[in-house]
Amino acid sequence: MVPKKKQEKMSLGTFLQDESLGSWADEMEDMPMPAATGLDPAKGYGGPTRRDYGSNMGSRDGGYERREYSVREQLPLPSAPPYTAHLANLSFEVSHGDVQDFFQGCEVTNVRIVEDKMDSKPKGFGYVEFGTLDGLKQALTLSSSNLSGRQVRISVADPPKGRPVANRDFSDWSRKGPLPDLPQNQRR
């Protein structure tokens, strides 16, 4: 056990300048490292080793590898409407008008830029619905093109799930028949 010394208070600057106390790093250098069970010390602990960090420092991209995005599964072209494309890597400043101008000549019928429910900020992806299959095919050829400073990835959107797609009629909003009976709340 270390004998207790009289504690003196000193400022942080004085403590850092005082070389008589030594450094904790010097003390740790002499300490044995714990043995890693089941791990190969030559390979490290599962993460990158020190050699990995500076291996590409002389390259044009500053040492960082080019990011590879996960490839979205290519879906077949739909045989019936809606003809919808999924847009990824959208700029957060892009507007509906910018997207419609980008797909000029593709018969755009609807543009949906997905936003966060809480903040109403764009999430960076969206959907564009086209009037014809040819419009969708023409839009797919624009994938990797520049839209508002970003390369947009365009693919066929997943079909709607759990909702009937064909024969949607939203023109009549009137109720068809009486409301269902409410359950009786009986408190005693």
N, C-alpha and C. Protein backbone atom coordinates (compact mmCIF):
# COMPACT_ATOMS: atom_id res chain seq x y z
N MET A 1 0.82 -1.18 0.00
CA MET A 1 0.00 0.00 0.00
C MET A 1 0.87 1.25 0.00
N VAL A 2 0.44 2.21 -0.73
CA VAL A 2 1.19 3.45 -0.84
C VAL A 2 0.87 4.32 0.38
N PRO A 3 1.92 4.85 1.01
CA PRO A 3 1.64 5.74 2.15
C PRO A 3 0.94 7.00 1.68
N LYS A 4 0.03 7.46 2.52
CA LYS A 4 -0.73 8.66 2.17
C LYS A 4 0.16 9.87 2.27
N LYS A 5 0.07 10.72 1.27
CA LYS A 5 0.83 11.96 1.26
C LYS A 5 -0.13 13.09 1.56
N LYS A 6 0.46 14.15 1.99
CA LYS A 6 -0.34 15.33 2.23
C LYS A 6 -0.79 15.86 0.85
N GLN A 7 -2.07 16.02 0.68
CA GLN A 7 -2.59 16.45 -0.61
C GLN A 7 -2.51 17.96 -0.73
N GLU A 8 -1.92 18.41 -1.82
CA GLU A 8 -1.91 19.82 -2.09
C GLU A 8 -2.73 20.07 -3.34
N LYS A 9 -3.38 21.20 -3.34
CA LYS A 9 -4.15 21.57 -4.51
C LYS A 9 -3.27 22.39 -5.42
N MET A 10 -3.34 22.07 -6.72
CA MET A 10 -2.60 22.85 -7.69
C MET A 10 -3.46 23.03 -8.93
N SER A 11 -3.15 24.03 -9.68
CA SER A 11 -3.92 24.29 -10.89
C SER A 11 -3.57 23.26 -11.95
N LEU A 12 -4.44 23.12 -12.93
CA LEU A 12 -4.22 22.15 -14.00
C LEU A 12 -2.96 22.50 -14.78
N GLY A 13 -2.74 23.77 -15.06
CA GLY A 13 -1.56 24.19 -15.80
C GLY A 13 -0.28 23.83 -15.06
N THR A 14 -0.27 24.02 -13.75
CA THR A 14 0.91 23.67 -12.95
C THR A 14 1.13 22.18 -12.95
N PHE A 15 0.04 21.42 -12.84
CA PHE A 15 0.14 19.96 -12.83
C PHE A 15 0.71 19.44 -14.15
N LEU A 16 0.23 20.00 -15.26
CA LEU A 16 0.70 19.54 -16.56
C LEU A 16 2.15 19.93 -16.83
N GLN A 17 2.60 21.03 -16.26
CA GLN A 17 3.98 21.47 -16.47
C GLN A 17 4.96 20.76 -15.54
N ASP A 18 4.48 20.20 -14.45
CA ASP A 18 5.35 19.56 -13.47
C ASP A 18 5.81 18.20 -14.00
N GLU A 19 7.10 18.09 -14.32
CA GLU A 19 7.64 16.85 -14.86
C GLU A 19 8.12 15.90 -13.78
N SER A 20 8.14 16.32 -12.55
CA SER A 20 8.61 15.46 -11.47
C SER A 20 7.62 14.35 -11.16
N LEU A 21 6.36 14.56 -11.51
CA LEU A 21 5.34 13.55 -11.22
C LEU A 21 5.36 12.41 -12.22
N GLY A 22 5.96 12.60 -13.38
CA GLY A 22 5.97 11.56 -14.41
C GLY A 22 4.66 11.56 -15.18
N SER A 23 4.51 10.57 -16.03
CA SER A 23 3.32 10.47 -16.86
C SER A 23 2.67 9.12 -16.65
N TRP A 24 1.37 9.08 -16.64
CA TRP A 24 0.68 7.79 -16.50
C TRP A 24 0.96 6.91 -17.71
N ALA A 25 1.23 7.53 -18.87
CA ALA A 25 1.52 6.74 -20.06
C ALA A 25 2.83 5.99 -19.90
N ASP A 26 3.81 6.62 -19.22
CA ASP A 26 5.07 5.92 -18.98
C ASP A 26 4.85 4.71 -18.09
N GLU A 27 3.96 4.85 -17.11
CA GLU A 27 3.67 3.74 -16.21
C GLU A 27 2.94 2.61 -16.95
N MET A 28 2.05 2.96 -17.84
CA MET A 28 1.25 1.96 -18.55
C MET A 28 2.09 1.19 -19.56
N GLU A 29 3.15 1.82 -20.06
CA GLU A 29 3.99 1.17 -21.04
C GLU A 29 4.65 -0.08 -20.47
N ASP A 30 4.97 -0.05 -19.18
CA ASP A 30 5.63 -1.17 -18.54
C ASP A 30 4.65 -2.24 -18.06
N MET A 31 3.36 -1.95 -18.06
CA MET A 31 2.37 -2.90 -17.54
C MET A 31 2.13 -4.00 -18.58
N PRO A 32 1.91 -5.23 -18.13
CA PRO A 32 1.60 -6.31 -19.09
C PRO A 32 0.19 -6.14 -19.64
N MET A 33 0.01 -6.49 -20.89
CA MET A 33 -1.29 -6.41 -21.55
C MET A 33 -2.09 -7.65 -21.22
N PRO A 34 -3.40 -7.54 -21.05
CA PRO A 34 -4.21 -8.73 -20.79
C PRO A 34 -4.23 -9.64 -22.01
N ALA A 35 -4.26 -10.93 -21.75
CA ALA A 35 -4.28 -11.90 -22.85
C ALA A 35 -5.66 -11.92 -23.48
N ALA A 36 -5.70 -11.91 -24.78
CA ALA A 36 -6.97 -11.97 -25.50
C ALA A 36 -7.30 -13.44 -25.72
N THR A 37 -8.39 -13.87 -25.15
CA THR A 37 -8.76 -15.27 -25.28
C THR A 37 -9.44 -15.50 -26.61
N GLY A 38 -8.95 -16.46 -27.35
CA GLY A 38 -9.58 -16.83 -28.62
C GLY A 38 -9.26 -15.90 -29.77
N LEU A 39 -8.42 -14.89 -29.56
CA LEU A 39 -8.10 -13.97 -30.64
C LEU A 39 -6.63 -14.11 -30.99
N ASP A 40 -6.33 -13.93 -32.23
CA ASP A 40 -4.97 -14.00 -32.70
C ASP A 40 -4.34 -12.61 -32.55
N PRO A 41 -3.29 -12.47 -31.70
CA PRO A 41 -2.70 -11.14 -31.49
C PRO A 41 -2.15 -10.53 -32.76
N ALA A 42 -1.75 -11.35 -33.73
CA ALA A 42 -1.22 -10.80 -34.97
C ALA A 42 -2.31 -10.12 -35.78
N LYS A 43 -3.54 -10.59 -35.65
CA LYS A 43 -4.65 -10.01 -36.42
C LYS A 43 -5.35 -8.89 -35.65
N GLY A 44 -5.04 -8.73 -34.39
CA GLY A 44 -5.68 -7.68 -33.61
C GLY A 44 -6.97 -8.19 -32.99
N TYR A 45 -7.79 -7.28 -32.59
CA TYR A 45 -9.02 -7.62 -31.88
C TYR A 45 -10.25 -7.48 -32.76
N GLY A 46 -10.13 -7.74 -34.01
CA GLY A 46 -11.28 -7.69 -34.90
C GLY A 46 -11.38 -6.40 -35.69
N GLY A 47 -10.76 -5.34 -35.22
CA GLY A 47 -10.83 -4.06 -35.92
C GLY A 47 -9.59 -3.85 -36.77
N PRO A 48 -9.48 -2.69 -37.37
CA PRO A 48 -8.30 -2.44 -38.20
C PRO A 48 -7.05 -2.29 -37.34
N THR A 49 -5.94 -2.70 -37.86
CA THR A 49 -4.69 -2.55 -37.13
C THR A 49 -4.08 -1.20 -37.49
N ARG A 50 -3.02 -0.82 -36.78
CA ARG A 50 -2.39 0.47 -37.05
C ARG A 50 -1.86 0.53 -38.47
N ARG A 51 -1.44 -0.60 -39.00
CA ARG A 51 -0.92 -0.62 -40.36
C ARG A 51 -2.02 -0.27 -41.37
N ASP A 52 -3.25 -0.59 -41.04
CA ASP A 52 -4.36 -0.36 -41.98
C ASP A 52 -4.69 1.12 -42.13
N TYR A 53 -4.42 1.93 -41.11
CA TYR A 53 -4.87 3.32 -41.15
C TYR A 53 -4.11 4.18 -42.14
N GLY A 54 -2.84 3.96 -42.32
CA GLY A 54 -2.08 4.85 -43.18
C GLY A 54 -1.69 4.23 -44.51
N SER A 55 -2.29 3.12 -44.89
CA SER A 55 -1.84 2.41 -46.07
C SER A 55 -2.12 3.16 -47.37
N ASN A 56 -3.14 3.99 -47.43
CA ASN A 56 -3.48 4.68 -48.68
C ASN A 56 -3.29 6.18 -48.56
N MET A 57 -2.44 6.63 -47.69
CA MET A 57 -2.33 8.07 -47.45
C MET A 57 -1.79 8.82 -48.67
N GLY A 58 -1.09 8.15 -49.57
CA GLY A 58 -0.56 8.83 -50.74
C GLY A 58 -1.51 8.82 -51.92
N SER A 59 -2.69 8.25 -51.77
CA SER A 59 -3.61 8.15 -52.90
C SER A 59 -4.37 9.46 -53.11
N ARG A 60 -5.03 9.58 -54.24
CA ARG A 60 -5.73 10.81 -54.59
C ARG A 60 -6.90 11.11 -53.68
N ASP A 61 -7.56 10.06 -53.16
CA ASP A 61 -8.75 10.29 -52.35
C ASP A 61 -8.43 10.54 -50.89
N GLY A 62 -7.19 10.81 -50.53
CA GLY A 62 -6.84 11.17 -49.16
C GLY A 62 -6.80 9.99 -48.21
N GLY A 63 -6.71 8.78 -48.70
CA GLY A 63 -6.60 7.63 -47.82
C GLY A 63 -7.91 6.91 -47.60
N TYR A 64 -8.98 7.41 -48.13
CA TYR A 64 -10.27 6.77 -47.92
C TYR A 64 -10.64 5.98 -49.16
N GLU A 65 -11.13 4.81 -48.95
CA GLU A 65 -11.58 3.98 -50.06
C GLU A 65 -12.88 4.55 -50.59
N ARG A 66 -13.15 4.34 -51.84
CA ARG A 66 -14.41 4.79 -52.42
C ARG A 66 -15.55 3.96 -51.84
N ARG A 67 -16.60 4.64 -51.40
CA ARG A 67 -17.72 3.94 -50.78
C ARG A 67 -18.50 3.18 -51.82
N GLU A 68 -18.87 2.00 -51.46
CA GLU A 68 -19.74 1.20 -52.31
C GLU A 68 -21.10 1.14 -51.62
N TYR A 69 -22.13 1.55 -52.32
CA TYR A 69 -23.47 1.53 -51.77
C TYR A 69 -24.07 0.15 -51.96
N SER A 70 -24.97 -0.21 -51.05
CA SER A 70 -25.63 -1.49 -51.20
C SER A 70 -26.51 -1.42 -52.45
N VAL A 71 -26.46 -2.46 -53.21
CA VAL A 71 -27.19 -2.49 -54.47
C VAL A 71 -28.62 -2.92 -54.19
N ARG A 72 -29.55 -2.11 -54.65
CA ARG A 72 -30.97 -2.42 -54.48
C ARG A 72 -31.33 -3.53 -55.46
N GLU A 73 -32.09 -4.50 -54.98
CA GLU A 73 -32.48 -5.63 -55.82
C GLU A 73 -33.28 -5.12 -57.02
N GLN A 74 -32.88 -5.54 -58.20
CA GLN A 74 -33.57 -5.12 -59.41
C GLN A 74 -34.91 -5.85 -59.50
N LEU A 75 -35.97 -5.10 -59.50
CA LEU A 75 -37.31 -5.66 -59.62
C LEU A 75 -37.73 -5.65 -61.08
N PRO A 76 -38.60 -6.57 -61.46
CA PRO A 76 -39.07 -6.55 -62.85
C PRO A 76 -39.96 -5.34 -63.10
N LEU A 77 -40.05 -4.95 -64.34
CA LEU A 77 -40.93 -3.82 -64.70
C LEU A 77 -42.38 -4.22 -64.46
N PRO A 78 -43.18 -3.32 -63.91
CA PRO A 78 -44.59 -3.65 -63.65
C PRO A 78 -45.36 -3.80 -64.96
N SER A 79 -46.36 -4.67 -64.93
CA SER A 79 -47.18 -4.89 -66.12
C SER A 79 -48.44 -4.03 -66.10
N ALA A 80 -48.78 -3.48 -64.94
CA ALA A 80 -49.97 -2.63 -64.81
C ALA A 80 -49.61 -1.43 -63.94
N PRO A 81 -50.38 -0.33 -64.05
CA PRO A 81 -50.11 0.84 -63.23
C PRO A 81 -50.24 0.51 -61.74
N PRO A 82 -49.61 1.19 -60.85
CA PRO A 82 -48.80 2.39 -61.03
C PRO A 82 -47.39 2.04 -61.48
N TYR A 83 -46.84 2.86 -62.34
CA TYR A 83 -45.46 2.72 -62.82
C TYR A 83 -44.60 3.67 -61.98
N THR A 84 -44.02 3.14 -60.93
CA THR A 84 -43.34 3.96 -59.93
C THR A 84 -41.85 3.64 -59.88
N ALA A 85 -41.05 4.70 -59.78
CA ALA A 85 -39.59 4.56 -59.64
C ALA A 85 -39.19 5.03 -58.25
N HIS A 86 -38.18 4.37 -57.68
CA HIS A 86 -37.60 4.75 -56.40
C HIS A 86 -36.36 5.59 -56.66
N LEU A 87 -36.27 6.76 -56.03
CA LEU A 87 -35.12 7.64 -56.19
C LEU A 87 -34.32 7.61 -54.90
N ALA A 88 -33.02 7.35 -55.00
CA ALA A 88 -32.15 7.34 -53.83
C ALA A 88 -31.05 8.37 -54.02
N ASN A 89 -30.45 8.79 -52.91
CA ASN A 89 -29.36 9.77 -52.89
C ASN A 89 -29.83 11.14 -53.39
N LEU A 90 -31.04 11.52 -52.99
CA LEU A 90 -31.55 12.84 -53.35
C LEU A 90 -30.92 13.90 -52.46
N SER A 91 -30.70 15.07 -53.00
CA SER A 91 -30.23 16.19 -52.21
C SER A 91 -31.34 16.61 -51.25
N PHE A 92 -30.96 17.11 -50.08
CA PHE A 92 -31.96 17.52 -49.10
C PHE A 92 -32.63 18.83 -49.49
N GLU A 93 -32.09 19.53 -50.48
CA GLU A 93 -32.67 20.79 -50.93
C GLU A 93 -33.51 20.63 -52.20
N VAL A 94 -33.65 19.41 -52.72
CA VAL A 94 -34.37 19.21 -53.97
C VAL A 94 -35.88 19.42 -53.73
N SER A 95 -36.55 19.99 -54.73
CA SER A 95 -37.99 20.23 -54.62
C SER A 95 -38.74 19.37 -55.63
N HIS A 96 -40.06 19.36 -55.49
CA HIS A 96 -40.89 18.59 -56.42
C HIS A 96 -40.69 19.10 -57.85
N GLY A 97 -40.58 20.41 -58.00
CA GLY A 97 -40.38 20.99 -59.33
C GLY A 97 -39.06 20.57 -59.95
N ASP A 98 -38.01 20.47 -59.11
CA ASP A 98 -36.71 20.03 -59.63
C ASP A 98 -36.80 18.60 -60.16
N VAL A 99 -37.52 17.74 -59.44
CA VAL A 99 -37.65 16.34 -59.86
C VAL A 99 -38.47 16.26 -61.15
N GLN A 100 -39.54 17.05 -61.25
CA GLN A 100 -40.35 17.04 -62.46
C GLN A 100 -39.55 17.55 -63.66
N ASP A 101 -38.72 18.57 -63.45
CA ASP A 101 -37.88 19.07 -64.53
C ASP A 101 -36.83 18.03 -64.95
N PHE A 102 -36.31 17.29 -63.97
CA PHE A 102 -35.31 16.25 -64.24
C PHE A 102 -35.89 15.16 -65.14
N PHE A 103 -37.14 14.80 -64.90
CA PHE A 103 -37.81 13.74 -65.67
C PHE A 103 -38.68 14.32 -66.79
N GLN A 104 -38.27 15.43 -67.34
CA GLN A 104 -39.03 16.08 -68.41
C GLN A 104 -39.14 15.12 -69.60
N GLY A 105 -40.34 14.93 -70.11
CA GLY A 105 -40.58 14.04 -71.23
C GLY A 105 -40.85 12.60 -70.82
N CYS A 106 -40.91 12.34 -69.51
CA CYS A 106 -41.16 10.97 -69.03
C CYS A 106 -42.59 10.78 -68.54
N GLU A 107 -43.46 11.74 -68.76
CA GLU A 107 -44.87 11.67 -68.36
C GLU A 107 -45.04 11.46 -66.86
N VAL A 108 -44.48 12.35 -66.05
CA VAL A 108 -44.58 12.28 -64.59
C VAL A 108 -46.00 12.63 -64.17
N THR A 109 -46.60 11.79 -63.32
CA THR A 109 -47.94 12.07 -62.80
C THR A 109 -47.91 12.45 -61.32
N ASN A 110 -46.90 11.98 -60.57
CA ASN A 110 -46.87 12.25 -59.13
C ASN A 110 -45.43 12.18 -58.64
N VAL A 111 -45.05 13.09 -57.74
CA VAL A 111 -43.73 13.09 -57.11
C VAL A 111 -43.93 13.07 -55.61
N ARG A 112 -43.27 12.13 -54.92
CA ARG A 112 -43.34 12.06 -53.45
C ARG A 112 -41.91 12.04 -52.92
N ILE A 113 -41.53 13.09 -52.21
CA ILE A 113 -40.23 13.14 -51.53
C ILE A 113 -40.51 12.80 -50.07
N VAL A 114 -39.92 11.72 -49.58
CA VAL A 114 -40.21 11.23 -48.23
C VAL A 114 -39.55 12.15 -47.22
N GLU A 115 -40.36 12.55 -46.19
CA GLU A 115 -39.88 13.46 -45.15
C GLU A 115 -40.03 12.80 -43.79
N ASP A 116 -39.23 13.27 -42.85
CA ASP A 116 -39.31 12.81 -41.47
C ASP A 116 -40.62 13.32 -40.87
N LYS A 117 -41.33 12.48 -40.13
CA LYS A 117 -42.62 12.88 -39.57
C LYS A 117 -42.49 13.95 -38.50
N MET A 118 -41.42 13.89 -37.73
CA MET A 118 -41.25 14.83 -36.63
C MET A 118 -40.74 16.19 -37.10
N ASP A 119 -39.73 16.19 -37.95
CA ASP A 119 -39.06 17.43 -38.34
C ASP A 119 -39.53 17.98 -39.67
N SER A 120 -40.23 17.19 -40.47
CA SER A 120 -40.65 17.54 -41.82
C SER A 120 -39.46 17.88 -42.70
N LYS A 121 -38.32 17.21 -42.44
CA LYS A 121 -37.13 17.39 -43.27
C LYS A 121 -37.03 16.20 -44.22
N PRO A 122 -36.56 16.43 -45.45
CA PRO A 122 -36.43 15.32 -46.40
C PRO A 122 -35.43 14.28 -45.91
N LYS A 123 -35.70 13.01 -46.25
CA LYS A 123 -34.84 11.90 -45.84
C LYS A 123 -33.82 11.51 -46.90
N GLY A 124 -33.91 12.09 -48.10
CA GLY A 124 -32.93 11.80 -49.14
C GLY A 124 -33.37 10.75 -50.13
N PHE A 125 -34.65 10.37 -50.10
CA PHE A 125 -35.16 9.46 -51.11
C PHE A 125 -36.61 9.80 -51.39
N GLY A 126 -37.12 9.25 -52.48
CA GLY A 126 -38.50 9.54 -52.84
C GLY A 126 -38.98 8.61 -53.94
N TYR A 127 -40.18 8.90 -54.42
CA TYR A 127 -40.82 8.07 -55.44
C TYR A 127 -41.40 8.98 -56.52
N VAL A 128 -41.34 8.52 -57.75
CA VAL A 128 -41.94 9.24 -58.88
C VAL A 128 -42.84 8.26 -59.62
N GLU A 129 -44.07 8.68 -59.85
CA GLU A 129 -45.03 7.84 -60.57
C GLU A 129 -45.17 8.37 -61.99
N PHE A 130 -45.17 7.45 -62.95
CA PHE A 130 -45.25 7.81 -64.36
C PHE A 130 -46.57 7.32 -64.95
N GLY A 131 -47.01 8.00 -66.00
CA GLY A 131 -48.27 7.66 -66.64
C GLY A 131 -48.19 6.40 -67.48
N THR A 132 -47.03 6.11 -68.05
CA THR A 132 -46.89 4.95 -68.93
C THR A 132 -45.63 4.15 -68.57
N LEU A 133 -45.59 2.93 -69.05
CA LEU A 133 -44.43 2.08 -68.85
C LEU A 133 -43.22 2.64 -69.59
N ASP A 134 -43.46 3.24 -70.76
CA ASP A 134 -42.35 3.83 -71.51
C ASP A 134 -41.72 5.00 -70.74
N GLY A 135 -42.54 5.76 -70.02
CA GLY A 135 -42.00 6.84 -69.19
C GLY A 135 -41.10 6.30 -68.09
N LEU A 136 -41.49 5.19 -67.47
CA LEU A 136 -40.67 4.55 -66.44
C LEU A 136 -39.36 4.04 -67.03
N LYS A 137 -39.44 3.40 -68.21
CA LYS A 137 -38.22 2.89 -68.86
C LYS A 137 -37.26 4.03 -69.18
N GLN A 138 -37.79 5.14 -69.67
CA GLN A 138 -36.95 6.29 -70.00
C GLN A 138 -36.32 6.87 -68.73
N ALA A 139 -37.06 6.87 -67.63
CA ALA A 139 -36.53 7.39 -66.37
C ALA A 139 -35.42 6.51 -65.82
N LEU A 140 -35.53 5.20 -66.02
CA LEU A 140 -34.49 4.29 -65.52
C LEU A 140 -33.15 4.51 -66.22
N THR A 141 -33.19 5.04 -67.45
CA THR A 141 -31.94 5.32 -68.16
C THR A 141 -31.20 6.52 -67.57
N LEU A 142 -31.89 7.32 -66.75
CA LEU A 142 -31.28 8.51 -66.15
C LEU A 142 -30.56 8.21 -64.84
N SER A 143 -30.51 6.94 -64.43
CA SER A 143 -29.84 6.58 -63.18
C SER A 143 -28.37 6.99 -63.24
N SER A 144 -27.85 7.43 -62.13
CA SER A 144 -26.47 7.94 -61.95
C SER A 144 -26.28 9.30 -62.61
N SER A 145 -27.36 9.97 -62.99
CA SER A 145 -27.26 11.33 -63.52
C SER A 145 -27.24 12.32 -62.36
N ASN A 146 -26.81 13.54 -62.65
CA ASN A 146 -26.67 14.56 -61.63
C ASN A 146 -27.98 15.33 -61.46
N LEU A 147 -28.50 15.37 -60.22
CA LEU A 147 -29.70 16.14 -59.88
C LEU A 147 -29.37 16.95 -58.64
N SER A 148 -29.32 18.25 -58.77
CA SER A 148 -29.00 19.17 -57.67
C SER A 148 -27.68 18.82 -56.99
N GLY A 149 -26.68 18.46 -57.79
CA GLY A 149 -25.35 18.23 -57.27
C GLY A 149 -25.09 16.84 -56.74
N ARG A 150 -26.03 15.90 -56.91
CA ARG A 150 -25.82 14.54 -56.41
C ARG A 150 -26.18 13.54 -57.50
N GLN A 151 -25.50 12.39 -57.48
CA GLN A 151 -25.81 11.33 -58.43
C GLN A 151 -27.01 10.55 -57.91
N VAL A 152 -28.11 10.63 -58.60
CA VAL A 152 -29.35 9.99 -58.18
C VAL A 152 -29.38 8.56 -58.69
N ARG A 153 -29.73 7.63 -57.80
CA ARG A 153 -29.90 6.23 -58.19
C ARG A 153 -31.40 5.98 -58.39
N ILE A 154 -31.75 5.46 -59.55
CA ILE A 154 -33.16 5.26 -59.91
C ILE A 154 -33.38 3.78 -60.16
N SER A 155 -34.42 3.23 -59.54
CA SER A 155 -34.76 1.82 -59.73
C SER A 155 -36.27 1.67 -59.67
N VAL A 156 -36.75 0.50 -60.07
CA VAL A 156 -38.19 0.22 -60.01
C VAL A 156 -38.59 0.10 -58.55
N ALA A 157 -39.67 0.76 -58.17
CA ALA A 157 -40.13 0.74 -56.78
C ALA A 157 -40.87 -0.56 -56.48
N ASP A 158 -40.86 -0.94 -55.20
CA ASP A 158 -41.63 -2.10 -54.76
C ASP A 158 -43.11 -1.82 -54.99
N PRO A 159 -43.87 -2.85 -55.38
CA PRO A 159 -45.31 -2.63 -55.53
C PRO A 159 -45.95 -2.37 -54.17
N PRO A 160 -47.06 -1.64 -54.13
CA PRO A 160 -47.73 -1.38 -52.86
C PRO A 160 -48.17 -2.68 -52.20
N LYS A 161 -48.02 -2.76 -50.90
CA LYS A 161 -48.35 -3.98 -50.17
C LYS A 161 -49.64 -3.80 -49.38
N GLY A 162 -50.49 -4.79 -49.44
CA GLY A 162 -51.69 -4.80 -48.63
C GLY A 162 -52.78 -3.84 -49.07
N ARG A 163 -52.61 -3.20 -50.20
CA ARG A 163 -53.63 -2.28 -50.69
C ARG A 163 -54.00 -2.65 -52.11
N PRO A 164 -55.27 -2.62 -52.42
CA PRO A 164 -55.64 -2.86 -53.81
C PRO A 164 -55.14 -1.70 -54.68
N VAL A 165 -54.46 -2.04 -55.75
CA VAL A 165 -53.85 -1.02 -56.60
C VAL A 165 -54.83 -0.56 -57.68
N ALA A 166 -55.44 -1.50 -58.35
CA ALA A 166 -56.31 -1.16 -59.47
C ALA A 166 -57.67 -0.68 -58.98
N ASN A 167 -58.33 0.09 -59.81
CA ASN A 167 -59.69 0.56 -59.57
C ASN A 167 -59.81 1.41 -58.30
N ARG A 168 -58.85 2.27 -58.06
CA ARG A 168 -58.96 3.17 -56.92
C ARG A 168 -59.81 4.36 -57.34
N ASP A 169 -60.81 4.69 -56.54
CA ASP A 169 -61.65 5.84 -56.84
C ASP A 169 -61.78 6.67 -55.57
N PHE A 170 -61.14 7.83 -55.57
CA PHE A 170 -61.18 8.71 -54.41
C PHE A 170 -62.09 9.91 -54.63
N SER A 171 -62.92 9.86 -55.64
CA SER A 171 -63.76 11.02 -55.94
C SER A 171 -64.94 11.13 -54.97
N ASP A 172 -65.41 10.01 -54.42
CA ASP A 172 -66.57 10.03 -53.53
C ASP A 172 -66.11 9.77 -52.10
N TRP A 173 -66.24 10.78 -51.24
CA TRP A 173 -65.80 10.65 -49.86
C TRP A 173 -66.98 10.45 -48.90
N SER A 174 -68.17 10.23 -49.41
CA SER A 174 -69.33 10.09 -48.52
C SER A 174 -69.33 8.71 -47.86
N ARG A 175 -69.98 8.65 -46.71
CA ARG A 175 -70.03 7.41 -45.96
C ARG A 175 -71.12 6.52 -46.55
N LYS A 176 -70.84 5.24 -46.64
CA LYS A 176 -71.80 4.27 -47.18
C LYS A 176 -72.43 3.50 -46.02
N GLY A 177 -73.50 4.03 -45.48
CA GLY A 177 -74.21 3.32 -44.42
C GLY A 177 -73.91 3.88 -43.04
N PRO A 178 -74.54 3.30 -42.03
CA PRO A 178 -74.40 3.81 -40.66
C PRO A 178 -73.05 3.41 -40.05
N LEU A 179 -72.67 4.15 -39.01
CA LEU A 179 -71.46 3.82 -38.28
C LEU A 179 -71.68 2.54 -37.46
N PRO A 180 -70.65 1.77 -37.19
CA PRO A 180 -70.82 0.57 -36.37
C PRO A 180 -71.14 0.96 -34.93
N ASP A 181 -71.83 0.06 -34.25
CA ASP A 181 -72.19 0.31 -32.85
C ASP A 181 -70.93 0.31 -32.00
N LEU A 182 -70.89 1.24 -31.04
CA LEU A 182 -69.77 1.30 -30.12
C LEU A 182 -69.98 0.29 -29.00
N PRO A 183 -68.90 -0.28 -28.47
CA PRO A 183 -69.06 -1.21 -27.35
C PRO A 183 -69.55 -0.47 -26.12
N GLN A 184 -70.33 -1.14 -25.33
CA GLN A 184 -70.90 -0.54 -24.11
C GLN A 184 -69.83 -0.51 -23.03
N ASN A 185 -69.61 0.67 -22.47
CA ASN A 185 -68.68 0.79 -21.35
C ASN A 185 -69.49 0.73 -20.07
N GLN A 186 -69.34 -0.34 -19.35
CA GLN A 186 -70.10 -0.50 -18.10
C GLN A 186 -69.12 -0.47 -16.93
N ARG A 187 -69.20 0.58 -16.12
CA ARG A 187 -68.38 0.67 -14.93
C ARG A 187 -69.26 0.49 -13.71
N ARG A 188 -68.79 -0.23 -12.76
CA ARG A 188 -69.57 -0.42 -11.54
C ARG A 188 -68.74 -0.05 -10.35
